[in-house]
N, C-alpha and C. Protein backbone atom coordinates (compact mmCIF):
# COMPACT_ATOMS: atom_id res chain seq x y z
N MET A 1 12.63 -57.19 53.63
CA MET A 1 12.96 -56.84 55.00
C MET A 1 11.88 -55.87 55.32
N LEU A 2 12.58 -54.79 54.48
CA LEU A 2 11.56 -53.95 54.19
C LEU A 2 10.14 -54.39 54.03
N PRO A 3 9.78 -54.47 53.09
CA PRO A 3 8.24 -55.12 53.30
C PRO A 3 7.07 -55.40 54.10
N THR A 4 8.25 -56.15 55.33
CA THR A 4 7.56 -56.18 55.67
C THR A 4 7.95 -56.01 57.35
N ILE A 5 8.89 -54.27 57.53
CA ILE A 5 8.32 -53.54 58.64
C ILE A 5 7.19 -53.15 58.32
N LEU A 6 7.24 -52.03 56.60
CA LEU A 6 6.12 -51.27 56.63
C LEU A 6 4.81 -51.74 56.36
N ALA A 7 5.09 -53.45 56.64
CA ALA A 7 3.14 -54.31 56.27
C ALA A 7 3.46 -53.93 58.57
N THR A 8 3.75 -55.15 58.86
CA THR A 8 3.76 -54.28 60.02
C THR A 8 3.13 -53.07 60.75
N PHE A 9 4.31 -52.02 60.42
CA PHE A 9 4.32 -50.90 61.15
C PHE A 9 2.62 -50.65 61.08
N THR A 10 2.13 -51.23 59.57
CA THR A 10 0.74 -50.84 59.04
C THR A 10 0.07 -50.94 60.23
N TYR A 11 0.03 -52.76 59.84
CA TYR A 11 -1.23 -53.31 60.68
C TYR A 11 -1.35 -52.67 62.18
N PHE A 12 -0.09 -52.20 62.61
CA PHE A 12 0.36 -52.05 64.48
C PHE A 12 -0.53 -51.02 64.66
N PHE A 13 0.30 -49.91 63.82
CA PHE A 13 0.51 -48.38 64.20
C PHE A 13 -0.59 -47.06 63.17
N LEU A 14 -0.70 -47.51 62.51
CA LEU A 14 -1.70 -46.66 61.32
C LEU A 14 -3.32 -46.19 61.89
N PRO A 15 -3.40 -48.26 62.65
CA PRO A 15 -4.92 -48.24 63.42
C PRO A 15 -4.73 -46.57 64.07
N ILE A 16 -3.79 -46.92 65.22
CA ILE A 16 -3.56 -46.12 67.22
C ILE A 16 -3.17 -44.23 65.93
N LEU A 17 -2.17 -44.84 65.57
CA LEU A 17 -2.27 -42.46 65.67
C LEU A 17 -3.46 -42.43 63.81
N ALA A 18 -3.90 -42.83 63.31
CA ALA A 18 -4.92 -41.59 62.81
C ALA A 18 -6.29 -41.98 63.60
N VAL A 19 -7.44 -40.34 63.65
CA VAL A 19 -8.23 -40.34 63.74
C VAL A 19 -9.34 -41.11 62.34
N PRO A 20 -10.48 -42.33 62.30
CA PRO A 20 -11.12 -42.04 61.65
C PRO A 20 -12.13 -41.43 61.24
N PRO A 21 -12.57 -40.90 60.24
CA PRO A 21 -14.17 -40.48 60.31
C PRO A 21 -14.63 -40.72 60.92
N PRO A 22 -16.00 -40.41 62.06
CA PRO A 22 -17.10 -41.29 62.64
C PRO A 22 -17.46 -41.89 62.01
N SER A 23 -18.26 -41.57 60.28
CA SER A 23 -18.76 -42.65 59.71
C SER A 23 -18.72 -44.00 59.35
N GLU A 24 -17.60 -44.54 59.39
CA GLU A 24 -16.21 -45.42 59.24
C GLU A 24 -16.24 -46.07 60.07
N MET A 25 -16.44 -47.36 59.52
CA MET A 25 -16.54 -48.10 60.61
C MET A 25 -14.86 -49.03 60.73
N PHE A 26 -14.49 -49.25 61.53
CA PHE A 26 -12.45 -49.35 61.83
C PHE A 26 -12.17 -49.82 62.57
N LYS A 27 -10.62 -50.85 62.54
CA LYS A 27 -10.55 -51.35 64.63
C LYS A 27 -9.49 -50.37 64.61
N GLN A 28 -9.49 -50.91 65.93
CA GLN A 28 -9.12 -50.33 67.54
C GLN A 28 -8.98 -50.61 68.39
N LEU A 29 -7.26 -50.68 68.70
CA LEU A 29 -6.82 -51.00 69.84
C LEU A 29 -7.95 -50.29 71.27
N VAL A 30 -8.69 -51.49 72.17
CA VAL A 30 -9.14 -50.58 72.97
C VAL A 30 -8.30 -51.06 74.49
N TYR A 31 -8.30 -50.63 75.14
CA TYR A 31 -7.17 -50.03 76.24
C TYR A 31 -8.49 -50.30 77.68
N PRO A 32 -7.53 -50.91 78.41
CA PRO A 32 -8.66 -50.51 80.47
C PRO A 32 -8.49 -49.52 80.45
N SER A 33 -8.13 -48.44 81.08
CA SER A 33 -8.21 -47.21 81.59
C SER A 33 -8.35 -46.95 83.44
N GLY A 34 -7.32 -46.75 83.78
CA GLY A 34 -7.40 -46.71 85.28
C GLY A 34 -9.08 -45.39 85.58
N LEU A 35 -8.55 -44.44 84.43
CA LEU A 35 -9.29 -43.23 84.86
C LEU A 35 -10.33 -42.83 85.48
N TYR A 36 -11.18 -43.74 83.88
CA TYR A 36 -12.35 -44.25 83.73
C TYR A 36 -12.79 -46.01 84.87
N SER A 37 -12.31 -46.48 85.16
CA SER A 37 -12.48 -47.14 85.71
C SER A 37 -12.55 -46.25 87.82
N ASN A 38 -11.82 -45.71 88.11
CA ASN A 38 -12.68 -44.91 89.12
C ASN A 38 -13.79 -43.91 89.29
N LYS A 39 -14.99 -44.89 89.58
CA LYS A 39 -16.21 -44.22 89.60
C LYS A 39 -16.55 -42.71 90.43
N ASP A 40 -15.71 -41.94 90.51
CA ASP A 40 -15.49 -41.25 91.64
C ASP A 40 -15.24 -39.79 91.74
N TYR A 41 -14.35 -40.07 89.80
CA TYR A 41 -13.75 -38.83 89.11
C TYR A 41 -14.12 -37.69 89.27
N PRO A 42 -14.68 -37.18 89.28
CA PRO A 42 -15.64 -35.18 88.77
C PRO A 42 -15.59 -35.59 87.35
N VAL A 43 -16.75 -35.08 86.40
CA VAL A 43 -17.36 -35.36 85.54
C VAL A 43 -16.57 -34.03 85.32
N ASP A 44 -16.80 -32.63 85.47
CA ASP A 44 -16.30 -31.26 84.47
C ASP A 44 -14.59 -31.90 84.95
N MET A 45 -13.58 -32.75 85.36
CA MET A 45 -11.87 -32.91 84.17
C MET A 45 -12.80 -33.15 83.35
N LEU A 46 -13.91 -33.45 82.71
CA LEU A 46 -13.59 -34.84 81.11
C LEU A 46 -13.99 -33.46 80.11
N SER A 47 -13.20 -33.88 79.07
CA SER A 47 -14.03 -32.45 77.93
C SER A 47 -14.78 -33.10 77.65
N CYS A 48 -15.89 -33.33 78.34
CA CYS A 48 -17.43 -32.60 76.95
C CYS A 48 -17.89 -33.29 78.65
N ARG A 49 -17.56 -32.49 79.16
CA ARG A 49 -18.14 -31.77 80.99
C ARG A 49 -19.60 -31.47 80.84
N HIS A 50 -18.89 -29.89 79.22
CA HIS A 50 -20.32 -29.34 79.83
C HIS A 50 -22.13 -29.47 78.96
N THR A 51 -21.98 -31.12 78.04
CA THR A 51 -23.17 -31.63 77.74
C THR A 51 -23.62 -32.95 78.76
N LEU A 52 -22.06 -33.54 79.73
CA LEU A 52 -22.54 -33.69 81.12
C LEU A 52 -22.73 -33.43 82.27
N LYS A 53 -23.02 -31.94 81.90
CA LYS A 53 -22.96 -31.59 83.09
C LYS A 53 -23.91 -31.41 84.59
N LYS A 54 -25.33 -32.12 84.95
CA LYS A 54 -25.90 -32.20 85.30
C LYS A 54 -25.70 -33.37 86.19
N TYR A 55 -24.16 -34.36 85.69
CA TYR A 55 -23.54 -35.37 87.05
C TYR A 55 -22.01 -34.90 87.63
N LYS A 56 -22.36 -35.96 88.53
CA LYS A 56 -20.65 -35.29 89.73
C LYS A 56 -20.20 -36.19 89.08
N THR A 57 -19.89 -37.37 89.29
CA THR A 57 -18.83 -37.97 88.96
C THR A 57 -19.32 -39.35 87.98
N LEU A 58 -18.34 -39.90 87.78
CA LEU A 58 -18.24 -40.98 86.60
C LEU A 58 -19.91 -42.18 87.04
N LYS A 59 -20.10 -42.67 88.18
CA LYS A 59 -20.27 -43.90 88.59
C LYS A 59 -22.56 -41.99 88.69
N ASP A 60 -22.03 -41.61 88.52
CA ASP A 60 -23.78 -40.78 88.58
C ASP A 60 -23.92 -41.19 86.50
N LEU A 61 -23.06 -41.39 85.94
CA LEU A 61 -23.41 -41.52 84.70
C LEU A 61 -24.02 -42.53 84.19
N PRO A 62 -25.67 -42.44 83.03
CA PRO A 62 -26.47 -43.57 83.82
C PRO A 62 -25.17 -44.15 82.71
N GLY A 63 -25.64 -45.45 82.26
CA GLY A 63 -24.63 -47.08 82.12
C GLY A 63 -23.38 -46.94 82.55
N TYR A 64 -22.99 -46.33 83.22
CA TYR A 64 -21.50 -46.52 83.52
C TYR A 64 -21.44 -47.63 84.62
N PRO A 65 -20.42 -48.93 83.95
CA PRO A 65 -18.84 -48.35 83.64
C PRO A 65 -19.34 -48.68 81.37
N PHE A 66 -19.87 -48.41 80.75
CA PHE A 66 -19.82 -48.42 79.83
C PHE A 66 -19.67 -47.03 78.65
N VAL A 67 -18.49 -47.09 78.64
CA VAL A 67 -17.88 -44.76 78.86
C VAL A 67 -16.84 -44.99 78.87
N GLY A 68 -16.10 -44.15 77.86
CA GLY A 68 -14.98 -44.51 77.93
C GLY A 68 -14.72 -42.53 77.20
N GLY A 69 -13.97 -43.20 76.27
CA GLY A 69 -12.47 -41.32 75.86
C GLY A 69 -11.82 -42.44 74.59
N ALA A 70 -11.40 -41.14 73.13
CA ALA A 70 -11.26 -41.72 72.08
C ALA A 70 -10.54 -39.80 71.80
N PRO A 71 -9.52 -40.88 70.49
CA PRO A 71 -9.88 -39.14 69.78
C PRO A 71 -10.80 -38.66 69.43
N LEU A 72 -11.46 -39.54 69.01
CA LEU A 72 -12.51 -39.19 68.12
C LEU A 72 -13.39 -37.84 68.91
N VAL A 73 -13.28 -37.66 70.07
CA VAL A 73 -13.87 -36.15 71.13
C VAL A 73 -12.04 -36.16 70.72
N ASN A 74 -12.88 -34.46 70.09
CA ASN A 74 -11.51 -32.49 70.33
C ASN A 74 -11.01 -32.64 71.28
N ASP A 75 -9.87 -33.10 72.09
CA ASP A 75 -9.50 -32.14 73.35
C ASP A 75 -10.12 -30.58 73.09
N GLU A 76 -8.99 -30.23 72.02
CA GLU A 76 -9.49 -28.71 71.71
C GLU A 76 -10.78 -27.96 72.25
N HIS A 77 -11.74 -28.64 72.08
CA HIS A 77 -13.12 -27.57 71.64
C HIS A 77 -14.31 -28.52 72.51
N GLU A 78 -14.56 -28.20 73.98
CA GLU A 78 -14.61 -29.02 74.54
C GLU A 78 -16.67 -28.68 74.46
N ASP A 79 -17.15 -29.89 74.56
CA ASP A 79 -18.13 -30.41 73.85
C ASP A 79 -18.45 -30.23 72.36
N GLY A 80 -17.84 -31.31 71.60
CA GLY A 80 -17.42 -31.75 70.07
C GLY A 80 -18.28 -31.92 69.63
N ALA A 81 -19.08 -32.52 68.51
CA ALA A 81 -19.24 -33.17 68.28
C ALA A 81 -20.02 -34.80 68.58
N ASN A 82 -19.30 -34.92 68.60
CA ASN A 82 -18.65 -36.34 69.17
C ASN A 82 -19.02 -36.93 70.73
N CYS A 83 -19.48 -35.35 72.03
CA CYS A 83 -18.61 -36.07 72.80
C CYS A 83 -20.63 -36.28 73.02
N ALA A 84 -20.98 -37.47 73.94
CA ALA A 84 -21.87 -38.20 74.37
C ALA A 84 -22.56 -38.61 73.38
N SER A 85 -21.60 -39.46 72.12
CA SER A 85 -22.69 -39.98 71.21
C SER A 85 -21.95 -41.95 71.42
N CYS A 86 -22.76 -41.74 70.85
CA CYS A 86 -23.11 -43.82 70.84
C CYS A 86 -21.86 -44.76 70.03
N TRP A 87 -21.11 -45.38 70.04
CA TRP A 87 -20.41 -45.81 69.96
C TRP A 87 -20.45 -47.26 69.45
N ARG A 88 -20.41 -48.31 68.52
CA ARG A 88 -20.53 -49.95 68.75
C ARG A 88 -19.23 -50.58 69.03
N VAL A 89 -18.63 -51.03 70.46
CA VAL A 89 -17.32 -52.19 69.75
C VAL A 89 -17.48 -53.76 69.84
N THR A 90 -16.83 -53.82 69.29
CA THR A 90 -17.54 -55.19 68.78
C THR A 90 -15.54 -56.31 68.97
N TYR A 91 -16.04 -57.73 70.01
CA TYR A 91 -14.50 -58.65 69.68
C TYR A 91 -14.41 -60.10 70.40
N ARG A 92 -14.99 -59.99 69.38
CA ARG A 92 -14.39 -61.88 69.02
C ARG A 92 -16.56 -62.12 69.02
N GLY A 93 -17.09 -61.44 68.36
CA GLY A 93 -18.75 -61.35 68.03
C GLY A 93 -19.89 -61.00 69.66
N GLU A 94 -19.25 -60.55 70.78
CA GLU A 94 -19.89 -59.96 72.14
C GLU A 94 -19.29 -57.90 71.21
N SER A 95 -20.26 -57.43 71.85
CA SER A 95 -20.55 -55.64 71.68
C SER A 95 -21.04 -55.08 72.63
N SER A 96 -20.61 -54.61 72.80
CA SER A 96 -21.17 -53.59 73.49
C SER A 96 -21.43 -51.73 73.64
N ASN A 97 -21.93 -51.18 73.81
CA ASN A 97 -22.20 -49.60 73.67
C ASN A 97 -21.57 -48.33 74.91
N PHE A 98 -20.90 -47.77 73.94
CA PHE A 98 -20.31 -46.90 75.12
C PHE A 98 -20.22 -45.80 74.57
N LEU A 99 -20.24 -45.15 75.83
CA LEU A 99 -21.00 -42.85 75.28
C LEU A 99 -19.48 -42.94 75.79
N LEU A 100 -18.65 -41.68 74.61
CA LEU A 100 -17.83 -41.09 74.12
C LEU A 100 -18.19 -39.45 74.96
N ILE A 101 -17.14 -39.49 76.68
CA ILE A 101 -16.90 -39.35 77.24
C ILE A 101 -15.71 -38.13 77.42
N ASP A 102 -15.05 -38.20 76.89
CA ASP A 102 -13.73 -37.59 77.23
C ASP A 102 -12.24 -37.73 76.12
N PHE A 103 -11.79 -36.92 75.47
CA PHE A 103 -10.45 -36.86 74.80
C PHE A 103 -10.13 -38.26 75.53
N ALA A 104 -9.54 -39.10 75.00
CA ALA A 104 -7.72 -40.09 74.79
C ALA A 104 -7.14 -39.58 74.45
N ASP A 105 -5.68 -40.41 74.18
CA ASP A 105 -4.45 -40.52 72.75
C ASP A 105 -4.22 -42.23 72.43
N GLY A 106 -4.28 -42.17 71.22
CA GLY A 106 -4.45 -43.36 70.78
C GLY A 106 -4.68 -44.82 71.41
N GLY A 107 -6.91 -44.13 71.10
CA GLY A 107 -7.08 -45.56 70.73
C GLY A 107 -8.71 -45.10 72.62
N PHE A 108 -8.86 -46.63 72.29
CA PHE A 108 -10.78 -46.18 72.59
C PHE A 108 -9.91 -46.74 74.03
N ARG A 109 -10.13 -46.14 75.02
CA ARG A 109 -9.62 -47.03 76.84
C ARG A 109 -11.30 -46.48 77.79
N VAL A 110 -11.64 -47.12 78.54
CA VAL A 110 -13.11 -47.58 78.49
C VAL A 110 -12.55 -48.26 80.70
N PRO A 111 -13.55 -48.05 81.26
CA PRO A 111 -13.24 -48.42 82.57
C PRO A 111 -12.61 -50.46 82.25
N GLN A 112 -12.14 -50.54 83.14
CA GLN A 112 -11.44 -52.67 83.30
C GLN A 112 -12.25 -52.96 83.33
N ALA A 113 -13.93 -52.52 84.00
CA ALA A 113 -15.46 -53.58 84.52
C ALA A 113 -15.82 -53.58 83.30
N ALA A 114 -15.94 -53.38 82.41
CA ALA A 114 -16.93 -52.72 81.19
C ALA A 114 -15.77 -53.33 79.38
N LEU A 115 -14.26 -53.37 79.80
CA LEU A 115 -13.24 -54.50 79.28
C LEU A 115 -13.92 -55.34 79.50
N ARG A 116 -13.73 -56.09 80.78
CA ARG A 116 -13.86 -57.44 81.17
C ARG A 116 -14.63 -57.70 80.92
N ASN A 117 -15.65 -56.89 80.68
CA ASN A 117 -17.20 -57.77 80.25
C ASN A 117 -17.53 -58.41 79.13
N LEU A 118 -16.78 -57.18 77.79
CA LEU A 118 -16.89 -57.57 76.49
C LEU A 118 -15.98 -58.11 76.75
N THR A 119 -14.39 -58.33 77.12
CA THR A 119 -13.79 -58.87 76.12
C THR A 119 -13.64 -60.90 77.50
N GLY A 120 -14.09 -60.70 79.12
CA GLY A 120 -13.66 -61.29 79.91
C GLY A 120 -11.63 -61.16 80.42
N GLY A 121 -11.03 -60.64 79.62
CA GLY A 121 -9.74 -59.62 80.45
C GLY A 121 -10.16 -58.78 80.06
N ALA A 122 -8.78 -57.93 80.63
CA ALA A 122 -8.12 -56.63 80.51
C ALA A 122 -7.50 -56.59 79.92
N GLU A 123 -6.71 -56.96 78.97
CA GLU A 123 -5.22 -56.71 78.48
C GLU A 123 -6.67 -55.69 77.35
N PRO A 124 -5.29 -54.99 76.64
CA PRO A 124 -5.85 -54.47 75.08
C PRO A 124 -6.10 -55.21 74.51
N VAL A 125 -7.26 -55.13 73.83
CA VAL A 125 -7.93 -55.78 72.34
C VAL A 125 -7.71 -54.68 71.41
N ARG A 126 -7.56 -55.19 70.02
CA ARG A 126 -7.81 -54.55 68.63
C ARG A 126 -9.71 -55.28 68.34
N ALA A 127 -10.61 -54.44 68.04
CA ALA A 127 -11.77 -54.89 67.88
C ALA A 127 -11.75 -52.90 66.86
N GLU A 128 -13.18 -53.88 66.42
CA GLU A 128 -13.78 -53.80 65.05
C GLU A 128 -15.32 -52.12 66.61
N ILE A 129 -14.57 -50.75 65.84
CA ILE A 129 -15.64 -50.03 66.37
C ILE A 129 -16.69 -49.37 65.62
N HIS A 130 -17.63 -49.20 65.61
CA HIS A 130 -18.48 -47.77 64.93
C HIS A 130 -19.35 -46.76 66.01
N ARG A 131 -19.75 -46.29 64.65
CA ARG A 131 -20.78 -45.17 65.17
C ARG A 131 -22.68 -45.52 65.37
N THR A 132 -23.08 -45.21 65.79
CA THR A 132 -24.23 -45.51 66.52
C THR A 132 -24.96 -45.20 67.54
N SER A 133 -26.57 -45.20 66.53
CA SER A 133 -27.48 -44.31 66.90
C SER A 133 -27.57 -44.15 68.37
N ARG A 134 -27.92 -42.87 68.97
CA ARG A 134 -27.97 -42.31 70.87
C ARG A 134 -28.76 -43.28 71.20
N GLU A 135 -29.61 -43.46 70.40
CA GLU A 135 -31.02 -43.91 71.04
C GLU A 135 -30.64 -45.57 71.30
N ASP A 136 -28.99 -45.62 70.56
CA ASP A 136 -28.28 -48.09 70.99
C ASP A 136 -27.81 -47.51 72.16
N CYS A 137 -28.23 -46.23 73.43
CA CYS A 137 -27.01 -45.89 74.04
C CYS A 137 -28.34 -45.72 74.97
N THR A 138 -29.45 -46.52 75.10
CA THR A 138 -30.59 -46.04 76.05
C THR A 138 -30.49 -45.27 77.11
N TYR A 139 -29.34 -46.25 78.34
CA TYR A 139 -29.20 -45.94 79.17
C TYR A 139 -28.74 -43.60 79.39
N PHE A 140 -28.85 -42.19 78.03
CA PHE A 140 -27.85 -41.87 78.59
C PHE A 140 -29.78 -40.73 77.89
């Protein structure tokens, strides 16, 4: 019984709790976010606000709605190394690139429209995520 519980915990919850190094590919839950779905949300409320200072709202960001938040952005240090970094999210063979713009706890959080585009639905999914070059987010 205990091995089953530990295996279940490791599969479902450990990827959520751990923040993997940016150079690794990993699987993590991707959630729809009401916050990032609000195209009029002010950029100056985001963790990466200084990097994105020439934009006023989310809809002004090039590539919106393919933006998001993740634990990889350090909430304590504005404009850390992962601000405005590009990440490829792959689900069942389909991929989209996302620009990280904010800290989000517990997984990747993206606008509902972007999640629907990637998965065909708006439910949280476990997807493969890896860092890619800024050039892959050519819209930024």
